[in-house]
Amino acid sequence: MSHHRNSRRTKRHSIVAGAVAAVLLPLGVAGTAAAADAPTGGSQHTATGSAPGAAASTPKVVTKVEKFYRSYIAALGAGDTAKADSLRESNLTKSLRTQLAEWERQHSADGVTRAQNVPVGADVAYDGSGMGHSWTIVTLKWNGGSDVTKLHVQSDLDTLRISDLKTFD
């Protein structure tokens, strides 16, 4: 009887392990120990370093957000609105572009940078992944880098497009 009970327990553990693997493997997490170490928010890893156990696509997301913000700031700084619009089209979801248009109408400012002027630079740090999204913290630099604005930026992992952004309060 105890062998039968152990057999059921082993089978139950195998099913649970299989379910965990089915969730973690598509995310690029190689084992439950790595999943336990994966950041759940608040951890900051730059595009050049990745979090231990983070999803394999995380560095791609951080790099993509960083490249977008740097290109977008350069386009705005050069007065190239066509380039800035093109960058929005290819890097932001349609839903976010619609939200930003409304925000910009209400605030008379650029929704991507949340400002009327152009930042001098941006740094991007990883802030966690889950439920098909990844979050980054974008630190926009102003006045030669002495002032900063922090944005919490959400990207969809399947398309790597930015799908939401908010300023930190």
N, C-alpha and C. Protein backbone atom coordinates (compact mmCIF):
# COMPACT_ATOMS: atom_id res chain seq x y z
N MET A 1 0.82 -1.19 0.00
CA MET A 1 0.00 0.00 0.00
C MET A 1 0.86 1.25 0.00
N SER A 2 1.95 1.26 0.80
CA SER A 2 2.79 2.44 0.83
C SER A 2 3.48 2.64 -0.52
N HIS A 3 3.81 1.57 -1.24
CA HIS A 3 4.40 1.70 -2.56
C HIS A 3 3.40 2.39 -3.49
N HIS A 4 2.13 2.02 -3.41
CA HIS A 4 1.10 2.62 -4.25
C HIS A 4 0.94 4.11 -3.94
N ARG A 5 0.97 4.47 -2.65
CA ARG A 5 0.87 5.86 -2.24
C ARG A 5 2.08 6.65 -2.74
N ASN A 6 3.29 6.08 -2.61
CA ASN A 6 4.50 6.74 -3.11
C ASN A 6 4.45 6.91 -4.62
N SER A 7 3.88 5.91 -5.30
CA SER A 7 3.76 5.99 -6.75
C SER A 7 2.87 7.16 -7.15
N ARG A 8 1.75 7.34 -6.45
CA ARG A 8 0.86 8.47 -6.73
C ARG A 8 1.55 9.79 -6.43
N ARG A 9 2.30 9.84 -5.32
CA ARG A 9 3.02 11.05 -4.95
C ARG A 9 4.07 11.40 -6.02
N THR A 10 4.81 10.37 -6.46
CA THR A 10 5.81 10.59 -7.51
C THR A 10 5.14 11.08 -8.78
N LYS A 11 4.01 10.47 -9.14
CA LYS A 11 3.29 10.86 -10.34
C LYS A 11 2.81 12.31 -10.21
N ARG A 12 2.28 12.70 -9.04
CA ARG A 12 1.81 14.05 -8.78
C ARG A 12 2.97 15.04 -8.90
N HIS A 13 4.13 14.69 -8.33
CA HIS A 13 5.31 15.56 -8.41
C HIS A 13 5.76 15.71 -9.86
N SER A 14 5.69 14.63 -10.63
CA SER A 14 6.07 14.69 -12.04
C SER A 14 5.14 15.60 -12.82
N ILE A 15 3.86 15.53 -12.53
CA ILE A 15 2.89 16.39 -13.20
C ILE A 15 3.15 17.85 -12.86
N VAL A 16 3.38 18.14 -11.59
CA VAL A 16 3.67 19.51 -11.16
C VAL A 16 4.96 20.00 -11.81
N ALA A 17 6.00 19.17 -11.79
CA ALA A 17 7.28 19.56 -12.41
C ALA A 17 7.09 19.81 -13.90
N GLY A 18 6.29 18.97 -14.55
CA GLY A 18 6.02 19.17 -15.98
C GLY A 18 5.29 20.48 -16.24
N ALA A 19 4.33 20.81 -15.39
CA ALA A 19 3.59 22.06 -15.55
C ALA A 19 4.50 23.26 -15.35
N VAL A 20 5.37 23.18 -14.34
CA VAL A 20 6.33 24.27 -14.10
C VAL A 20 7.26 24.42 -15.30
N ALA A 21 7.75 23.30 -15.82
CA ALA A 21 8.64 23.35 -16.98
C ALA A 21 7.91 23.93 -18.19
N ALA A 22 6.64 23.59 -18.37
CA ALA A 22 5.87 24.10 -19.50
C ALA A 22 5.75 25.61 -19.45
N VAL A 23 5.72 26.17 -18.26
CA VAL A 23 5.64 27.62 -18.10
C VAL A 23 7.02 28.25 -18.23
N LEU A 24 8.02 27.65 -17.61
CA LEU A 24 9.33 28.27 -17.54
C LEU A 24 10.16 28.11 -18.81
N LEU A 25 10.09 26.98 -19.46
CA LEU A 25 10.95 26.76 -20.62
C LEU A 25 10.69 27.73 -21.76
N PRO A 26 9.43 28.06 -22.11
CA PRO A 26 9.23 29.06 -23.17
C PRO A 26 9.79 30.42 -22.78
N LEU A 27 9.91 30.67 -21.49
CA LEU A 27 10.47 31.94 -21.03
C LEU A 27 11.99 31.91 -21.03
N GLY A 28 12.57 30.76 -21.27
CA GLY A 28 14.01 30.65 -21.31
C GLY A 28 14.62 30.42 -19.94
N VAL A 29 13.81 30.05 -18.97
CA VAL A 29 14.32 29.81 -17.63
C VAL A 29 14.64 28.33 -17.52
N ALA A 30 15.87 28.01 -17.21
CA ALA A 30 16.33 26.62 -17.23
C ALA A 30 16.29 26.00 -15.84
N GLY A 31 15.11 25.83 -15.29
CA GLY A 31 15.01 25.13 -14.01
C GLY A 31 14.37 25.98 -12.94
N THR A 32 13.85 25.29 -11.93
CA THR A 32 13.13 25.99 -10.88
C THR A 32 14.03 26.83 -10.00
N ALA A 33 15.28 26.44 -9.83
CA ALA A 33 16.19 27.25 -9.01
C ALA A 33 16.41 28.60 -9.68
N ALA A 34 16.54 28.59 -11.00
CA ALA A 34 16.71 29.86 -11.72
C ALA A 34 15.44 30.68 -11.61
N ALA A 35 14.29 30.02 -11.65
CA ALA A 35 13.03 30.76 -11.54
C ALA A 35 12.91 31.43 -10.18
N ALA A 36 13.38 30.75 -9.14
CA ALA A 36 13.31 31.33 -7.81
C ALA A 36 14.19 32.56 -7.70
N ASP A 37 15.28 32.58 -8.49
CA ASP A 37 16.19 33.72 -8.47
C ASP A 37 15.76 34.85 -9.39
N ALA A 38 14.79 34.58 -10.28
CA ALA A 38 14.39 35.59 -11.27
C ALA A 38 13.79 36.79 -10.56
N PRO A 39 14.11 37.99 -11.02
CA PRO A 39 13.60 39.20 -10.38
C PRO A 39 12.10 39.32 -10.57
N THR A 40 11.44 39.88 -9.59
CA THR A 40 10.01 40.09 -9.66
C THR A 40 9.68 41.56 -9.69
N GLY A 41 10.63 42.39 -9.89
CA GLY A 41 10.41 43.84 -9.94
C GLY A 41 11.35 44.49 -8.95
N GLY A 42 11.81 45.67 -9.31
CA GLY A 42 12.68 46.41 -8.42
C GLY A 42 14.14 46.13 -8.65
N SER A 43 14.47 44.99 -9.23
CA SER A 43 15.87 44.69 -9.52
C SER A 43 16.29 45.45 -10.76
N GLN A 44 17.46 46.04 -10.73
CA GLN A 44 17.88 46.82 -11.87
C GLN A 44 19.12 46.23 -12.50
N HIS A 45 18.95 45.78 -13.72
CA HIS A 45 20.05 45.23 -14.50
C HIS A 45 20.06 45.99 -15.81
N THR A 46 21.20 46.46 -16.21
CA THR A 46 21.28 47.23 -17.44
C THR A 46 21.30 46.31 -18.64
N ALA A 47 21.20 46.91 -19.82
CA ALA A 47 21.18 46.13 -21.05
C ALA A 47 22.46 45.33 -21.22
N THR A 48 23.56 45.74 -20.63
CA THR A 48 24.82 45.02 -20.79
C THR A 48 24.93 43.85 -19.85
N GLY A 49 24.15 43.80 -18.77
CA GLY A 49 24.17 42.67 -17.85
C GLY A 49 22.77 42.18 -17.69
N SER A 50 22.59 40.87 -17.56
CA SER A 50 21.24 40.36 -17.39
C SER A 50 21.08 39.77 -16.01
N ALA A 51 19.85 39.70 -15.58
CA ALA A 51 19.55 39.16 -14.26
C ALA A 51 19.76 37.66 -14.26
N PRO A 52 20.26 37.11 -13.16
CA PRO A 52 20.41 35.67 -13.09
C PRO A 52 19.04 35.03 -13.20
N GLY A 53 18.89 34.06 -14.09
CA GLY A 53 17.62 33.36 -14.22
C GLY A 53 16.56 34.16 -14.96
N ALA A 54 16.89 35.31 -15.49
CA ALA A 54 15.89 36.10 -16.21
C ALA A 54 15.60 35.44 -17.54
N ALA A 55 14.45 35.76 -18.08
CA ALA A 55 14.04 35.20 -19.36
C ALA A 55 15.09 35.54 -20.42
N ALA A 56 15.26 34.61 -21.36
CA ALA A 56 16.28 34.80 -22.40
C ALA A 56 15.99 36.05 -23.23
N SER A 57 14.72 36.44 -23.37
CA SER A 57 14.39 37.60 -24.19
C SER A 57 14.58 38.92 -23.44
N THR A 58 14.85 38.86 -22.15
CA THR A 58 15.00 40.08 -21.37
C THR A 58 16.07 41.01 -21.91
N PRO A 59 17.29 40.54 -22.17
CA PRO A 59 18.28 41.48 -22.71
C PRO A 59 17.82 42.10 -24.03
N LYS A 60 17.12 41.33 -24.87
CA LYS A 60 16.61 41.88 -26.12
C LYS A 60 15.63 43.01 -25.85
N VAL A 61 14.76 42.83 -24.87
CA VAL A 61 13.77 43.86 -24.54
C VAL A 61 14.47 45.12 -24.05
N VAL A 62 15.41 44.96 -23.14
CA VAL A 62 16.12 46.11 -22.59
C VAL A 62 16.88 46.83 -23.70
N THR A 63 17.57 46.07 -24.53
CA THR A 63 18.31 46.66 -25.64
C THR A 63 17.39 47.38 -26.60
N LYS A 64 16.24 46.78 -26.89
CA LYS A 64 15.27 47.40 -27.82
C LYS A 64 14.74 48.72 -27.24
N VAL A 65 14.38 48.74 -25.97
CA VAL A 65 13.88 49.97 -25.34
C VAL A 65 14.98 51.03 -25.32
N GLU A 66 16.18 50.61 -24.98
CA GLU A 66 17.31 51.54 -24.94
C GLU A 66 17.57 52.14 -26.32
N LYS A 67 17.58 51.29 -27.35
CA LYS A 67 17.82 51.76 -28.72
C LYS A 67 16.70 52.71 -29.16
N PHE A 68 15.46 52.36 -28.82
CA PHE A 68 14.34 53.24 -29.18
C PHE A 68 14.50 54.62 -28.55
N TYR A 69 14.73 54.66 -27.24
CA TYR A 69 14.81 55.96 -26.56
C TYR A 69 15.99 56.78 -27.06
N ARG A 70 17.12 56.16 -27.27
CA ARG A 70 18.28 56.92 -27.77
C ARG A 70 18.03 57.45 -29.17
N SER A 71 17.43 56.63 -30.05
CA SER A 71 17.12 57.07 -31.41
C SER A 71 16.04 58.15 -31.41
N TYR A 72 15.05 57.96 -30.56
CA TYR A 72 13.94 58.91 -30.48
C TYR A 72 14.43 60.27 -29.98
N ILE A 73 15.26 60.26 -28.95
CA ILE A 73 15.82 61.52 -28.41
C ILE A 73 16.69 62.20 -29.46
N ALA A 74 17.48 61.42 -30.19
CA ALA A 74 18.34 62.00 -31.24
C ALA A 74 17.48 62.63 -32.33
N ALA A 75 16.39 61.95 -32.72
CA ALA A 75 15.50 62.50 -33.76
C ALA A 75 14.85 63.80 -33.28
N LEU A 76 14.36 63.80 -32.04
CA LEU A 76 13.75 65.02 -31.49
C LEU A 76 14.78 66.14 -31.41
N GLY A 77 15.97 65.83 -30.96
CA GLY A 77 17.03 66.82 -30.84
C GLY A 77 17.42 67.43 -32.17
N ALA A 78 17.32 66.63 -33.24
CA ALA A 78 17.64 67.11 -34.58
C ALA A 78 16.44 67.78 -35.25
N GLY A 79 15.30 67.78 -34.57
CA GLY A 79 14.09 68.36 -35.14
C GLY A 79 13.48 67.49 -36.23
N ASP A 80 13.85 66.22 -36.28
CA ASP A 80 13.37 65.30 -37.31
C ASP A 80 12.09 64.60 -36.84
N THR A 81 10.97 65.29 -36.94
CA THR A 81 9.69 64.73 -36.46
C THR A 81 9.26 63.53 -37.29
N ALA A 82 9.61 63.50 -38.58
CA ALA A 82 9.26 62.34 -39.42
C ALA A 82 9.95 61.08 -38.88
N LYS A 83 11.22 61.20 -38.53
CA LYS A 83 11.97 60.07 -37.97
C LYS A 83 11.38 59.66 -36.61
N ALA A 84 11.06 60.64 -35.77
CA ALA A 84 10.46 60.35 -34.46
C ALA A 84 9.13 59.62 -34.64
N ASP A 85 8.31 60.07 -35.58
CA ASP A 85 7.03 59.41 -35.84
C ASP A 85 7.24 57.99 -36.35
N SER A 86 8.23 57.80 -37.21
CA SER A 86 8.54 56.48 -37.73
C SER A 86 8.99 55.55 -36.60
N LEU A 87 9.80 56.06 -35.70
CA LEU A 87 10.24 55.26 -34.56
C LEU A 87 9.06 54.87 -33.67
N ARG A 88 8.14 55.79 -33.46
CA ARG A 88 6.93 55.46 -32.69
C ARG A 88 6.14 54.36 -33.37
N GLU A 89 5.97 54.49 -34.67
CA GLU A 89 5.19 53.52 -35.44
C GLU A 89 5.76 52.12 -35.32
N SER A 90 7.07 52.00 -35.39
CA SER A 90 7.69 50.67 -35.39
C SER A 90 8.00 50.11 -34.00
N ASN A 91 7.98 50.96 -32.97
CA ASN A 91 8.38 50.49 -31.63
C ASN A 91 7.29 50.54 -30.57
N LEU A 92 6.18 51.21 -30.84
CA LEU A 92 5.09 51.33 -29.87
C LEU A 92 3.85 50.62 -30.41
N THR A 93 3.09 50.00 -29.52
CA THR A 93 1.85 49.37 -29.96
C THR A 93 0.86 50.45 -30.39
N LYS A 94 -0.08 50.06 -31.24
CA LYS A 94 -1.09 51.00 -31.72
C LYS A 94 -1.89 51.56 -30.54
N SER A 95 -2.21 50.71 -29.60
CA SER A 95 -2.96 51.13 -28.41
C SER A 95 -2.20 52.22 -27.64
N LEU A 96 -0.90 52.03 -27.45
CA LEU A 96 -0.12 53.03 -26.73
C LEU A 96 -0.03 54.32 -27.53
N ARG A 97 0.13 54.23 -28.85
CA ARG A 97 0.18 55.45 -29.67
C ARG A 97 -1.11 56.25 -29.52
N THR A 98 -2.23 55.57 -29.46
CA THR A 98 -3.52 56.23 -29.26
C THR A 98 -3.56 56.91 -27.89
N GLN A 99 -3.12 56.20 -26.85
CA GLN A 99 -3.09 56.76 -25.49
C GLN A 99 -2.17 57.98 -25.42
N LEU A 100 -1.02 57.89 -26.08
CA LEU A 100 -0.06 58.99 -26.06
C LEU A 100 -0.62 60.22 -26.78
N ALA A 101 -1.33 60.00 -27.87
CA ALA A 101 -1.93 61.13 -28.60
C ALA A 101 -2.90 61.89 -27.70
N GLU A 102 -3.69 61.17 -26.93
CA GLU A 102 -4.62 61.81 -26.00
C GLU A 102 -3.86 62.53 -24.89
N TRP A 103 -2.85 61.87 -24.32
CA TRP A 103 -2.04 62.48 -23.26
C TRP A 103 -1.40 63.76 -23.78
N GLU A 104 -0.85 63.71 -24.98
CA GLU A 104 -0.17 64.88 -25.56
C GLU A 104 -1.15 66.03 -25.81
N ARG A 105 -2.36 65.69 -26.22
CA ARG A 105 -3.38 66.73 -26.43
C ARG A 105 -3.70 67.43 -25.11
N GLN A 106 -3.78 66.67 -24.04
CA GLN A 106 -4.12 67.23 -22.74
C GLN A 106 -2.98 68.00 -22.10
N HIS A 107 -1.73 67.60 -22.36
CA HIS A 107 -0.58 68.17 -21.65
C HIS A 107 0.33 69.06 -22.50
N SER A 108 0.06 69.14 -23.79
CA SER A 108 0.91 69.93 -24.71
C SER A 108 2.39 69.59 -24.53
N ALA A 109 2.69 68.30 -24.49
CA ALA A 109 4.06 67.83 -24.31
C ALA A 109 4.21 66.49 -25.02
N ASP A 110 5.43 66.06 -25.22
CA ASP A 110 5.70 64.77 -25.84
C ASP A 110 5.38 63.66 -24.85
N GLY A 111 4.54 62.71 -25.27
CA GLY A 111 4.14 61.64 -24.37
C GLY A 111 5.21 60.61 -24.09
N VAL A 112 6.11 60.40 -25.02
CA VAL A 112 7.16 59.40 -24.84
C VAL A 112 8.18 59.86 -23.81
N THR A 113 8.48 61.16 -23.80
CA THR A 113 9.44 61.69 -22.83
C THR A 113 8.76 62.40 -21.67
N ARG A 114 7.45 62.60 -21.79
CA ARG A 114 6.66 63.30 -20.78
C ARG A 114 7.18 64.72 -20.52
N ALA A 115 7.61 65.39 -21.61
CA ALA A 115 8.18 66.73 -21.45
C ALA A 115 7.99 67.56 -22.72
N GLN A 116 8.15 68.87 -22.56
CA GLN A 116 8.08 69.78 -23.69
C GLN A 116 9.44 69.96 -24.35
N ASN A 117 10.51 69.70 -23.62
CA ASN A 117 11.85 69.82 -24.20
C ASN A 117 12.44 68.43 -24.40
N VAL A 118 13.65 68.38 -24.93
CA VAL A 118 14.28 67.11 -25.28
C VAL A 118 15.34 66.75 -24.25
N PRO A 119 15.28 65.52 -23.71
CA PRO A 119 16.32 65.10 -22.76
C PRO A 119 17.68 64.99 -23.45
N VAL A 120 18.73 65.02 -22.65
CA VAL A 120 20.09 64.90 -23.21
C VAL A 120 20.56 63.45 -23.30
N GLY A 121 19.82 62.55 -22.69
CA GLY A 121 20.19 61.14 -22.74
C GLY A 121 19.21 60.28 -21.98
N ALA A 122 19.44 58.97 -22.04
CA ALA A 122 18.57 58.02 -21.35
C ALA A 122 19.35 56.78 -20.98
N ASP A 123 19.06 56.23 -19.81
CA ASP A 123 19.59 54.94 -19.38
C ASP A 123 18.39 54.02 -19.19
N VAL A 124 18.59 52.74 -19.45
CA VAL A 124 17.50 51.76 -19.34
C VAL A 124 17.96 50.62 -18.45
N ALA A 125 17.11 50.22 -17.51
CA ALA A 125 17.42 49.13 -16.59
C ALA A 125 16.25 48.15 -16.55
N TYR A 126 16.57 46.89 -16.48
CA TYR A 126 15.57 45.82 -16.39
C TYR A 126 14.83 45.89 -15.06
N ASP A 127 13.51 45.65 -15.10
CA ASP A 127 12.72 45.70 -13.86
C ASP A 127 11.74 44.53 -13.73
N GLY A 128 12.00 43.42 -14.40
CA GLY A 128 11.18 42.24 -14.20
C GLY A 128 10.37 41.86 -15.43
N SER A 129 9.90 40.61 -15.41
CA SER A 129 9.08 40.07 -16.49
C SER A 129 8.02 39.16 -15.92
N GLY A 130 6.90 39.06 -16.61
CA GLY A 130 5.85 38.14 -16.22
C GLY A 130 4.60 38.38 -17.04
N MET A 131 3.80 37.36 -17.19
CA MET A 131 2.52 37.45 -17.88
C MET A 131 2.66 38.04 -19.29
N GLY A 132 3.74 37.67 -19.98
CA GLY A 132 3.92 38.09 -21.35
C GLY A 132 4.48 39.50 -21.53
N HIS A 133 4.89 40.11 -20.42
CA HIS A 133 5.43 41.47 -20.48
C HIS A 133 6.79 41.53 -19.78
N SER A 134 7.53 42.56 -20.13
CA SER A 134 8.77 42.87 -19.44
C SER A 134 8.72 44.35 -19.10
N TRP A 135 9.32 44.72 -17.98
CA TRP A 135 9.32 46.12 -17.56
C TRP A 135 10.75 46.63 -17.48
N THR A 136 10.91 47.85 -17.86
CA THR A 136 12.19 48.53 -17.75
C THR A 136 11.97 49.88 -17.08
N ILE A 137 13.03 50.37 -16.47
CA ILE A 137 13.01 51.73 -15.93
C ILE A 137 13.88 52.56 -16.85
N VAL A 138 13.27 53.57 -17.44
CA VAL A 138 13.98 54.47 -18.33
C VAL A 138 14.26 55.74 -17.53
N THR A 139 15.52 56.08 -17.40
CA THR A 139 15.91 57.30 -16.70
C THR A 139 16.32 58.33 -17.74
N LEU A 140 15.47 59.33 -17.92
CA LEU A 140 15.75 60.41 -18.87
C LEU A 140 16.59 61.46 -18.15
N LYS A 141 17.62 61.93 -18.84
CA LYS A 141 18.54 62.92 -18.24
C LYS A 141 18.30 64.29 -18.86
N TRP A 142 18.30 65.30 -18.00
CA TRP A 142 18.06 66.69 -18.40
C TRP A 142 19.18 67.57 -17.88
N ASN A 143 19.30 68.76 -18.41
CA ASN A 143 20.26 69.76 -17.90
C ASN A 143 21.66 69.18 -17.73
N GLY A 144 22.18 68.59 -18.78
CA GLY A 144 23.52 68.02 -18.70
C GLY A 144 23.59 66.77 -17.86
N GLY A 145 22.47 66.20 -17.51
CA GLY A 145 22.44 64.97 -16.73
C GLY A 145 22.22 65.17 -15.25
N SER A 146 22.10 66.44 -14.81
CA SER A 146 21.94 66.70 -13.38
C SER A 146 20.52 66.45 -12.88
N ASP A 147 19.54 66.54 -13.77
CA ASP A 147 18.15 66.25 -13.42
C ASP A 147 17.70 65.00 -14.17
N VAL A 148 16.81 64.23 -13.55
CA VAL A 148 16.32 63.01 -14.20
C VAL A 148 14.81 62.87 -14.04
N THR A 149 14.22 62.17 -14.98
CA THR A 149 12.84 61.73 -14.91
C THR A 149 12.86 60.23 -15.11
N LYS A 150 12.14 59.50 -14.27
CA LYS A 150 12.10 58.04 -14.39
C LYS A 150 10.74 57.61 -14.91
N LEU A 151 10.80 56.75 -15.91
CA LEU A 151 9.60 56.18 -16.51
C LEU A 151 9.60 54.67 -16.29
N HIS A 152 8.43 54.12 -16.05
CA HIS A 152 8.27 52.67 -15.98
C HIS A 152 7.67 52.25 -17.31
N VAL A 153 8.42 51.50 -18.09
CA VAL A 153 8.04 51.16 -19.46
C VAL A 153 7.75 49.67 -19.55
N GLN A 154 6.59 49.35 -20.11
CA GLN A 154 6.17 47.96 -20.29
C GLN A 154 6.32 47.59 -21.76
N SER A 155 6.89 46.42 -22.02
CA SER A 155 7.01 45.90 -23.39
C SER A 155 6.35 44.54 -23.46
N ASP A 156 5.75 44.24 -24.61
CA ASP A 156 5.18 42.92 -24.84
C ASP A 156 6.30 42.00 -25.28
N LEU A 157 6.43 40.86 -24.62
CA LEU A 157 7.53 39.95 -24.94
C LEU A 157 7.40 39.31 -26.32
N ASP A 158 6.16 39.12 -26.81
CA ASP A 158 6.02 38.47 -28.11
C ASP A 158 6.43 39.38 -29.27
N THR A 159 6.21 40.69 -29.16
CA THR A 159 6.54 41.62 -30.25
C THR A 159 7.71 42.53 -29.92
N LEU A 160 8.08 42.61 -28.66
CA LEU A 160 9.10 43.52 -28.14
C LEU A 160 8.71 44.99 -28.32
N ARG A 161 7.44 45.26 -28.59
CA ARG A 161 6.97 46.64 -28.72
C ARG A 161 6.60 47.19 -27.34
N ILE A 162 6.82 48.48 -27.17
CA ILE A 162 6.45 49.15 -25.93
C ILE A 162 4.93 49.29 -25.92
N SER A 163 4.30 48.83 -24.84
CA SER A 163 2.84 48.81 -24.78
C SER A 163 2.27 49.71 -23.69
N ASP A 164 3.12 50.24 -22.81
CA ASP A 164 2.64 51.17 -21.78
C ASP A 164 3.84 51.89 -21.17
N LEU A 165 3.60 53.08 -20.69
CA LEU A 165 4.63 53.80 -19.94
C LEU A 165 3.96 54.75 -18.97
N LYS A 166 4.60 54.89 -17.83
CA LYS A 166 4.11 55.76 -16.77
C LYS A 166 5.30 56.42 -16.09
N THR A 167 5.08 57.60 -15.55
CA THR A 167 6.13 58.24 -14.76
C THR A 167 6.05 57.69 -13.35
N PHE A 168 7.20 57.63 -12.68
CA PHE A 168 7.23 57.25 -11.28
C PHE A 168 6.72 58.44 -10.48
N ASP A 169 5.93 58.16 -9.47
CA ASP A 169 5.42 59.25 -8.62
C ASP A 169 6.42 59.62 -7.56
